[in-house]
């Protein structure tokens, strides 16, 4: 017979390294979204081609995807005992 107390995990699910990686991933995602900002025109009737810059179209999505990859690693990382 097992009691409920025996089935409960002891301690936290993630270790300190997991939380560091989670925070790092969130920061990288935030930086990626900040890279996407800007490029608006002062006059709404004038087209600003700056919205199609390398930073907004290519670099920022790559940085955001890198942040999500870090998040996956943070969740799957198993500390050595």
PDB file of N, CA and C in Angstrom:
ATOM      1  N   UNK A   1       0.835  -1.174   0.000  1.00  0.00           N
ATOM      2  CA  UNK A   1       0.000   0.000   0.000  1.00  0.00           C
ATOM      3  C   UNK A   1       0.884   1.243   0.000  1.00  0.00           C
ATOM      4  N   UNK A   2       0.567   2.121  -0.877  1.00  0.00           N
ATOM      5  CA  UNK A   2       1.312   3.377  -0.885  1.00  0.00           C
ATOM      6  C   UNK A   2       0.370   4.505  -0.497  1.00  0.00           C
ATOM      7  N   UNK A   3       0.902   5.377   0.270  1.00  0.00           N
ATOM      8  CA  UNK A   3       0.098   6.514   0.701  1.00  0.00           C
ATOM      9  C   UNK A   3       0.344   7.689  -0.227  1.00  0.00           C
ATOM     10  N   UNK A   4      -0.489   8.690  -0.094  1.00  0.00           N
ATOM     11  CA  UNK A   4      -0.358   9.876  -0.943  1.00  0.00           C
ATOM     12  C   UNK A   4       0.952  10.596  -0.668  1.00  0.00           C
ATOM     13  N   UNK A   5       1.399  10.553   0.564  1.00  0.00           N
ATOM     14  CA  UNK A   5       2.628  11.239   0.938  1.00  0.00           C
ATOM     15  C   UNK A   5       3.836  10.625   0.241  1.00  0.00           C
ATOM     16  N   UNK A   6       3.832   9.326   0.009  1.00  0.00           N
ATOM     17  CA  UNK A   6       4.949   8.663  -0.652  1.00  0.00           C
ATOM     18  C   UNK A   6       5.025   9.004  -2.134  1.00  0.00           C
ATOM     19  N   UNK A   7       3.904   9.354  -2.754  1.00  0.00           N
ATOM     20  CA  UNK A   7       3.865   9.640  -4.182  1.00  0.00           C
ATOM     21  C   UNK A   7       4.176  11.087  -4.521  1.00  0.00           C
ATOM     22  N   UNK A   8       4.209  11.963  -3.544  1.00  0.00           N
ATOM     23  CA  UNK A   8       4.475  13.370  -3.830  1.00  0.00           C
ATOM     24  C   UNK A   8       5.966  13.586  -4.016  1.00  0.00           C
ATOM     25  N   UNK A   9       6.354  14.417  -5.009  1.00  0.00           N
ATOM     26  CA  UNK A   9       7.782  14.663  -5.233  1.00  0.00           C
ATOM     27  C   UNK A   9       8.361  15.528  -4.126  1.00  0.00           C
ATOM     28  N   UNK A  10       9.627  15.303  -3.861  1.00  0.00           N
ATOM     29  CA  UNK A  10      10.310  16.092  -2.850  1.00  0.00           C
ATOM     30  C   UNK A  10      11.113  17.179  -3.549  1.00  0.00           C
ATOM     31  N   UNK A  11      10.944  18.409  -3.127  1.00  0.00           N
ATOM     32  CA  UNK A  11      11.681  19.510  -3.723  1.00  0.00           C
ATOM     33  C   UNK A  11      10.975  20.061  -4.953  1.00  0.00           C
ATOM     34  N   UNK A  12      11.730  20.850  -5.695  1.00  0.00           N
ATOM     35  CA  UNK A  12      11.203  21.484  -6.889  1.00  0.00           C
ATOM     36  C   UNK A  12      11.353  20.575  -8.103  1.00  0.00           C
ATOM     37  N   UNK A  13      10.526  20.817  -9.102  1.00  0.00           N
ATOM     38  CA  UNK A  13      10.597  20.024 -10.330  1.00  0.00           C
ATOM     39  C   UNK A  13      11.862  20.389 -11.104  1.00  0.00           C
ATOM     40  N   UNK A  14      12.169  21.680 -11.178  1.00  0.00           N
ATOM     41  CA  UNK A  14      13.351  22.151 -11.889  1.00  0.00           C
ATOM     42  C   UNK A  14      14.430  22.546 -10.899  1.00  0.00           C
ATOM     43  N   UNK A  15      15.668  22.423 -11.361  1.00  0.00           N
ATOM     44  CA  UNK A  15      16.797  22.854 -10.551  1.00  0.00           C
ATOM     45  C   UNK A  15      17.140  24.305 -10.849  1.00  0.00           C
ATOM     46  N   UNK A  16      18.135  24.843 -10.156  1.00  0.00           N
ATOM     47  CA  UNK A  16      18.518  26.246 -10.369  1.00  0.00           C
ATOM     48  C   UNK A  16      18.970  26.534 -11.802  1.00  0.00           C
ATOM     49  N   UNK A  17      19.653  25.570 -12.417  1.00  0.00           N
ATOM     50  CA  UNK A  17      20.119  25.772 -13.796  1.00  0.00           C
ATOM     51  C   UNK A  17      18.938  25.867 -14.758  1.00  0.00           C
ATOM     52  N   UNK A  18      17.886  25.099 -14.508  1.00  0.00           N
ATOM     53  CA  UNK A  18      16.693  25.172 -15.354  1.00  0.00           C
ATOM     54  C   UNK A  18      16.078  26.569 -15.298  1.00  0.00           C
ATOM     55  N   UNK A  19      15.998  27.122 -14.099  1.00  0.00           N
ATOM     56  CA  UNK A  19      15.412  28.454 -13.953  1.00  0.00           C
ATOM     57  C   UNK A  19      16.291  29.525 -14.603  1.00  0.00           C
ATOM     58  N   UNK A  20      17.598  29.366 -14.513  1.00  0.00           N
ATOM     59  CA  UNK A  20      18.490  30.320 -15.185  1.00  0.00           C
ATOM     60  C   UNK A  20      18.295  30.269 -16.700  1.00  0.00           C
ATOM     61  N   UNK A  21      18.181  29.054 -17.227  1.00  0.00           N
ATOM     62  CA  UNK A  21      17.966  28.909 -18.664  1.00  0.00           C
ATOM     63  C   UNK A  21      16.598  29.456 -19.082  1.00  0.00           C
ATOM     64  N   UNK A  22      15.581  29.252 -18.247  1.00  0.00           N
ATOM     65  CA  UNK A  22      14.252  29.790 -18.552  1.00  0.00           C
ATOM     66  C   UNK A  22      14.288  31.318 -18.618  1.00  0.00           C
ATOM     67  N   UNK A  23      14.954  31.937 -17.665  1.00  0.00           N
ATOM     68  CA  UNK A  23      15.052  33.398 -17.657  1.00  0.00           C
ATOM     69  C   UNK A  23      15.861  33.891 -18.852  1.00  0.00           C
ATOM     70  N   UNK A  24      16.958  33.188 -19.167  1.00  0.00           N
ATOM     71  CA  UNK A  24      17.769  33.576 -20.326  1.00  0.00           C
ATOM     72  C   UNK A  24      16.952  33.469 -21.613  1.00  0.00           C
ATOM     73  N   UNK A  25      16.164  32.416 -21.749  1.00  0.00           N
ATOM     74  CA  UNK A  25      15.317  32.265 -22.928  1.00  0.00           C
ATOM     75  C   UNK A  25      14.287  33.367 -23.047  1.00  0.00           C
ATOM     76  N   UNK A  26      13.689  33.741 -21.921  1.00  0.00           N
ATOM     77  CA  UNK A  26      12.710  34.833 -21.942  1.00  0.00           C
ATOM     78  C   UNK A  26      13.361  36.158 -22.335  1.00  0.00           C
ATOM     79  N   UNK A  27      14.575  36.390 -21.859  1.00  0.00           N
ATOM     80  CA  UNK A  27      15.282  37.623 -22.225  1.00  0.00           C
ATOM     81  C   UNK A  27      15.593  37.638 -23.721  1.00  0.00           C
ATOM     82  N   UNK A  28      16.027  36.508 -24.264  1.00  0.00           N
ATOM     83  CA  UNK A  28      16.332  36.434 -25.701  1.00  0.00           C
ATOM     84  C   UNK A  28      15.064  36.658 -26.522  1.00  0.00           C
ATOM     85  N   UNK A  29      13.939  36.089 -26.110  1.00  0.00           N
ATOM     86  CA  UNK A  29      12.672  36.308 -26.812  1.00  0.00           C
ATOM     87  C   UNK A  29      12.288  37.778 -26.762  1.00  0.00           C
ATOM     88  N   UNK A  30      12.429  38.393 -25.604  1.00  0.00           N
ATOM     89  CA  UNK A  30      12.119  39.814 -25.458  1.00  0.00           C
ATOM     90  C   UNK A  30      12.997  40.670 -26.370  1.00  0.00           C
ATOM     91  N   UNK A  31      14.281  40.356 -26.438  1.00  0.00           N
ATOM     92  CA  UNK A  31      15.185  41.096 -27.332  1.00  0.00           C
ATOM     93  C   UNK A  31      14.741  40.927 -28.786  1.00  0.00           C
ATOM     94  N   UNK A  32      14.338  39.728 -29.166  1.00  0.00           N
ATOM     95  CA  UNK A  32      13.860  39.495 -30.521  1.00  0.00           C
ATOM     96  C   UNK A  32      12.640  40.332 -30.860  1.00  0.00           C
ATOM     97  N   UNK A  33      11.695  40.425 -29.928  1.00  0.00           N
ATOM     98  CA  UNK A  33      10.514  41.248 -30.180  1.00  0.00           C
ATOM     99  C   UNK A  33      10.865  42.732 -30.204  1.00  0.00           C
ATOM    100  N   UNK A  34      11.825  43.139 -29.393  1.00  0.00           N
ATOM    101  CA  UNK A  34      12.256  44.543 -29.435  1.00  0.00           C
ATOM    102  C   UNK A  34      12.938  44.869 -30.763  1.00  0.00           C
ATOM    103  N   UNK A  35      13.638  43.888 -31.337  1.00  0.00           N
ATOM    104  CA  UNK A  35      14.258  44.104 -32.649  1.00  0.00           C
ATOM    105  C   UNK A  35      13.215  44.282 -33.747  1.00  0.00           C
ATOM    106  N   UNK A  36      12.023  43.747 -33.555  1.00  0.00           N
ATOM    107  CA  UNK A  36      10.968  43.872 -34.565  1.00  0.00           C
ATOM    108  C   UNK A  36      10.277  45.232 -34.541  1.00  0.00           C
ATOM    109  N   UNK A  37      10.443  45.995 -33.484  1.00  0.00           N
ATOM    110  CA  UNK A  37       9.717  47.255 -33.345  1.00  0.00           C
ATOM    111  C   UNK A  37      10.285  48.333 -34.252  1.00  0.00           C
ATOM    112  N   UNK A  38       9.503  49.354 -34.472  1.00  0.00           N
ATOM    113  CA  UNK A  38       9.936  50.519 -35.233  1.00  0.00           C
ATOM    114  C   UNK A  38       9.558  50.437 -36.693  1.00  0.00           C
ATOM    115  N   UNK A  39      10.066  51.408 -37.460  1.00  0.00           N
ATOM    116  CA  UNK A  39       9.844  51.425 -38.895  1.00  0.00           C
ATOM    117  C   UNK A  39       8.588  52.126 -39.332  1.00  0.00           C
ATOM    118  N   UNK A  40       7.921  52.798 -38.402  1.00  0.00           N
ATOM    119  CA  UNK A  40       6.687  53.471 -38.821  1.00  0.00           C
ATOM    120  C   UNK A  40       7.024  54.813 -39.461  1.00  0.00           C
ATOM    121  N   UNK A  41       6.112  55.294 -40.244  1.00  0.00           N
ATOM    122  CA  UNK A  41       6.280  56.566 -40.932  1.00  0.00           C
ATOM    123  C   UNK A  41       5.576  57.660 -40.148  1.00  0.00           C
ATOM    124  N   UNK A  42       6.148  58.850 -40.156  1.00  0.00           N
ATOM    125  CA  UNK A  42       5.523  59.985 -39.476  1.00  0.00           C
ATOM    126  C   UNK A  42       4.206  60.368 -40.152  1.00  0.00           C
ATOM    127  N   UNK A  43       4.174  60.254 -41.463  1.00  0.00           N
ATOM    128  CA  UNK A  43       2.978  60.563 -42.240  1.00  0.00           C
ATOM    129  C   UNK A  43       2.343  59.243 -42.691  1.00  0.00           C
ATOM    130  N   UNK A  44       1.108  58.965 -42.320  1.00  0.00           N
ATOM    131  CA  UNK A  44       0.499  57.688 -42.702  1.00  0.00           C
ATOM    132  C   UNK A  44       0.272  57.541 -44.205  1.00  0.00           C
ATOM    133  N   UNK A  45       0.371  58.624 -44.951  1.00  0.00           N
ATOM    134  CA  UNK A  45       0.187  58.552 -46.396  1.00  0.00           C
ATOM    135  C   UNK A  45       1.486  58.272 -47.139  1.00  0.00           C
ATOM    136  N   UNK A  46       2.594  58.231 -46.428  1.00  0.00           N
ATOM    137  CA  UNK A  46       3.907  57.999 -47.049  1.00  0.00           C
ATOM    138  C   UNK A  46       4.397  56.622 -46.633  1.00  0.00           C
ATOM    139  N   UNK A  47       4.778  55.816 -47.629  1.00  0.00           N
ATOM    140  CA  UNK A  47       5.294  54.472 -47.371  1.00  0.00           C
ATOM    141  C   UNK A  47       6.742  54.550 -46.900  1.00  0.00           C
ATOM    142  N   UNK A  48       7.071  53.806 -45.834  1.00  0.00           N
ATOM    143  CA  UNK A  48       8.427  53.759 -45.324  1.00  0.00           C
ATOM    144  C   UNK A  48       8.992  52.358 -45.571  1.00  0.00           C
ATOM    145  N   UNK A  49       9.955  52.221 -46.476  1.00  0.00           N
ATOM    146  CA  UNK A  49      10.494  50.891 -46.778  1.00  0.00           C
ATOM    147  C   UNK A  49      11.335  50.313 -45.637  1.00  0.00           C
ATOM    148  N   UNK A  50      11.559  51.074 -44.585  1.00  0.00           N
ATOM    149  CA  UNK A  50      12.340  50.602 -43.444  1.00  0.00           C
ATOM    150  C   UNK A  50      11.675  49.429 -42.726  1.00  0.00           C
ATOM    151  N   UNK A  51      10.370  49.235 -42.933  1.00  0.00           N
ATOM    152  CA  UNK A  51       9.697  48.105 -42.287  1.00  0.00           C
ATOM    153  C   UNK A  51      10.190  46.774 -42.849  1.00  0.00           C
ATOM    154  N   UNK A  52      10.830  46.787 -44.007  1.00  0.00           N
ATOM    155  CA  UNK A  52      11.351  45.566 -44.617  1.00  0.00           C
ATOM    156  C   UNK A  52      12.854  45.440 -44.431  1.00  0.00           C
ATOM    157  N   UNK A  53      13.394  45.995 -43.371  1.00  0.00           N
ATOM    158  CA  UNK A  53      14.839  45.932 -43.149  1.00  0.00           C
ATOM    159  C   UNK A  53      15.255  44.519 -42.723  1.00  0.00           C
ATOM    160  N   UNK A  54      16.538  44.246 -42.869  1.00  0.00           N
ATOM    161  CA  UNK A  54      17.098  42.946 -42.488  1.00  0.00           C
ATOM    162  C   UNK A  54      16.824  42.656 -41.013  1.00  0.00           C
ATOM    163  N   UNK A  55      16.917  43.676 -40.183  1.00  0.00           N
ATOM    164  CA  UNK A  55      16.741  43.495 -38.744  1.00  0.00           C
ATOM    165  C   UNK A  55      15.336  43.002 -38.419  1.00  0.00           C
ATOM    166  N   UNK A  56      14.332  43.566 -39.058  1.00  0.00           N
ATOM    167  CA  UNK A  56      12.945  43.215 -38.738  1.00  0.00           C
ATOM    168  C   UNK A  56      12.467  41.944 -39.435  1.00  0.00           C
ATOM    169  N   UNK A  57      12.940  41.699 -40.630  1.00  0.00           N
ATOM    170  CA  UNK A  57      12.438  40.568 -41.415  1.00  0.00           C
ATOM    171  C   UNK A  57      13.227  39.282 -41.167  1.00  0.00           C
ATOM    172  N   UNK A  58      14.520  39.387 -40.907  1.00  0.00           N
ATOM    173  CA  UNK A  58      15.357  38.198 -40.796  1.00  0.00           C
ATOM    174  C   UNK A  58      15.928  37.998 -39.395  1.00  0.00           C
ATOM    175  N   UNK A  59      16.605  38.991 -38.881  1.00  0.00           N
ATOM    176  CA  UNK A  59      17.321  38.852 -37.617  1.00  0.00           C
ATOM    177  C   UNK A  59      16.372  38.638 -36.428  1.00  0.00           C
ATOM    178  N   UNK A  60      15.357  39.452 -36.307  1.00  0.00           N
ATOM    179  CA  UNK A  60      14.445  39.360 -35.160  1.00  0.00           C
ATOM    180  C   UNK A  60      13.740  38.006 -35.070  1.00  0.00           C
ATOM    181  N   UNK A  61      13.179  37.468 -36.155  1.00  0.00           N
ATOM    182  CA  UNK A  61      12.555  36.138 -36.035  1.00  0.00           C
ATOM    183  C   UNK A  61      13.551  35.034 -35.666  1.00  0.00           C
ATOM    184  N   UNK A  62      14.785  35.135 -36.157  1.00  0.00           N
ATOM    185  CA  UNK A  62      15.803  34.144 -35.793  1.00  0.00           C
ATOM    186  C   UNK A  62      16.108  34.232 -34.303  1.00  0.00           C
ATOM    187  N   UNK A  63      16.206  35.444 -33.768  1.00  0.00           N
ATOM    188  CA  UNK A  63      16.477  35.629 -32.344  1.00  0.00           C
ATOM    189  C   UNK A  63      15.315  35.088 -31.502  1.00  0.00           C
ATOM    190  N   UNK A  64      14.088  35.321 -31.934  1.00  0.00           N
ATOM    191  CA  UNK A  64      12.929  34.808 -31.195  1.00  0.00           C
ATOM    192  C   UNK A  64      12.925  33.276 -31.222  1.00  0.00           C
ATOM    193  N   UNK A  65      13.184  32.678 -32.361  1.00  0.00           N
ATOM    194  CA  UNK A  65      13.230  31.215 -32.437  1.00  0.00           C
ATOM    195  C   UNK A  65      14.357  30.644 -31.582  1.00  0.00           C
ATOM    196  N   UNK A  66      15.481  31.337 -31.524  1.00  0.00           N
ATOM    197  CA  UNK A  66      16.584  30.920 -30.657  1.00  0.00           C
ATOM    198  C   UNK A  66      16.140  30.958 -29.189  1.00  0.00           C
ATOM    199  N   UNK A  67      15.392  31.991 -28.825  1.00  0.00           N
ATOM    200  CA  UNK A  67      14.867  32.070 -27.464  1.00  0.00           C
ATOM    201  C   UNK A  67      13.931  30.920 -27.144  1.00  0.00           C
ATOM    202  N   UNK A  68      13.076  30.550 -28.088  1.00  0.00           N
ATOM    203  CA  UNK A  68      12.183  29.411 -27.862  1.00  0.00           C
ATOM    204  C   UNK A  68      12.978  28.106 -27.767  1.00  0.00           C
ATOM    205  N   UNK A  69      14.044  27.980 -28.537  1.00  0.00           N
ATOM    206  CA  UNK A  69      14.898  26.794 -28.445  1.00  0.00           C
ATOM    207  C   UNK A  69      15.558  26.715 -27.066  1.00  0.00           C
ATOM    208  N   UNK A  70      15.988  27.848 -26.534  1.00  0.00           N
ATOM    209  CA  UNK A  70      16.567  27.880 -25.190  1.00  0.00           C
ATOM    210  C   UNK A  70      15.523  27.455 -24.158  1.00  0.00           C
ATOM    211  N   UNK A  71      14.287  27.867 -24.349  1.00  0.00           N
ATOM    212  CA  UNK A  71      13.218  27.470 -23.436  1.00  0.00           C
ATOM    213  C   UNK A  71      13.012  25.954 -23.454  1.00  0.00           C
ATOM    214  N   UNK A  72      13.051  25.349 -24.633  1.00  0.00           N
ATOM    215  CA  UNK A  72      12.893  23.891 -24.733  1.00  0.00           C
ATOM    216  C   UNK A  72      14.041  23.195 -24.021  1.00  0.00           C
ATOM    217  N   UNK A  73      15.257  23.686 -24.237  1.00  0.00           N
ATOM    218  CA  UNK A  73      16.423  23.105 -23.564  1.00  0.00           C
ATOM    219  C   UNK A  73      16.277  23.255 -22.051  1.00  0.00           C
ATOM    220  N   UNK A  74      15.788  24.405 -21.604  1.00  0.00           N
ATOM    221  CA  UNK A  74      15.619  24.645 -20.168  1.00  0.00           C
ATOM    222  C   UNK A  74      14.624  23.671 -19.553  1.00  0.00           C
ATOM    223  N   UNK A  75      13.588  23.338 -20.285  1.00  0.00           N
ATOM    224  CA  UNK A  75      12.592  22.405 -19.764  1.00  0.00           C
ATOM    225  C   UNK A  75      13.124  20.976 -19.761  1.00  0.00           C
ATOM    226  N   UNK A  76      13.872  20.603 -20.785  1.00  0.00           N
ATOM    227  CA  UNK A  76      14.357  19.231 -20.912  1.00  0.00           C
ATOM    228  C   UNK A  76      15.669  18.973 -20.189  1.00  0.00           C
ATOM    229  N   UNK A  77      16.347  20.019 -19.740  1.00  0.00           N
ATOM    230  CA  UNK A  77      17.647  19.860 -19.083  1.00  0.00           C
ATOM    231  C   UNK A  77      17.483  19.106 -17.768  1.00  0.00           C
ATOM    232  N   UNK A  78      18.280  18.059 -17.616  1.00  0.00           N
ATOM    233  CA  UNK A  78      18.238  17.273 -16.396  1.00  0.00           C
ATOM    234  C   UNK A  78      19.579  17.418 -15.689  1.00  0.00           C
ATOM    235  N   UNK A  79      19.584  18.029 -14.512  1.00  0.00           N
ATOM    236  CA  UNK A  79      20.853  18.237 -13.813  1.00  0.00           C
ATOM    237  C   UNK A  79      21.485  16.918 -13.398  1.00  0.00           C
ATOM    238  N   UNK A  80      22.807  16.896 -13.418  1.00  0.00           N
ATOM    239  CA  UNK A  80      23.548  15.697 -12.994  1.00  0.00           C
ATOM    240  C   UNK A  80      23.595  15.671 -11.477  1.00  0.00           C
ATOM    241  N   UNK A  81      23.427  14.482 -10.944  1.00  0.00           N
ATOM    242  CA  UNK A  81      23.416  14.354  -9.472  1.00  0.00           C
ATOM    243  C   UNK A  81      24.734  13.889  -8.944  1.00  0.00           C
TER     244      UNK A  81
END
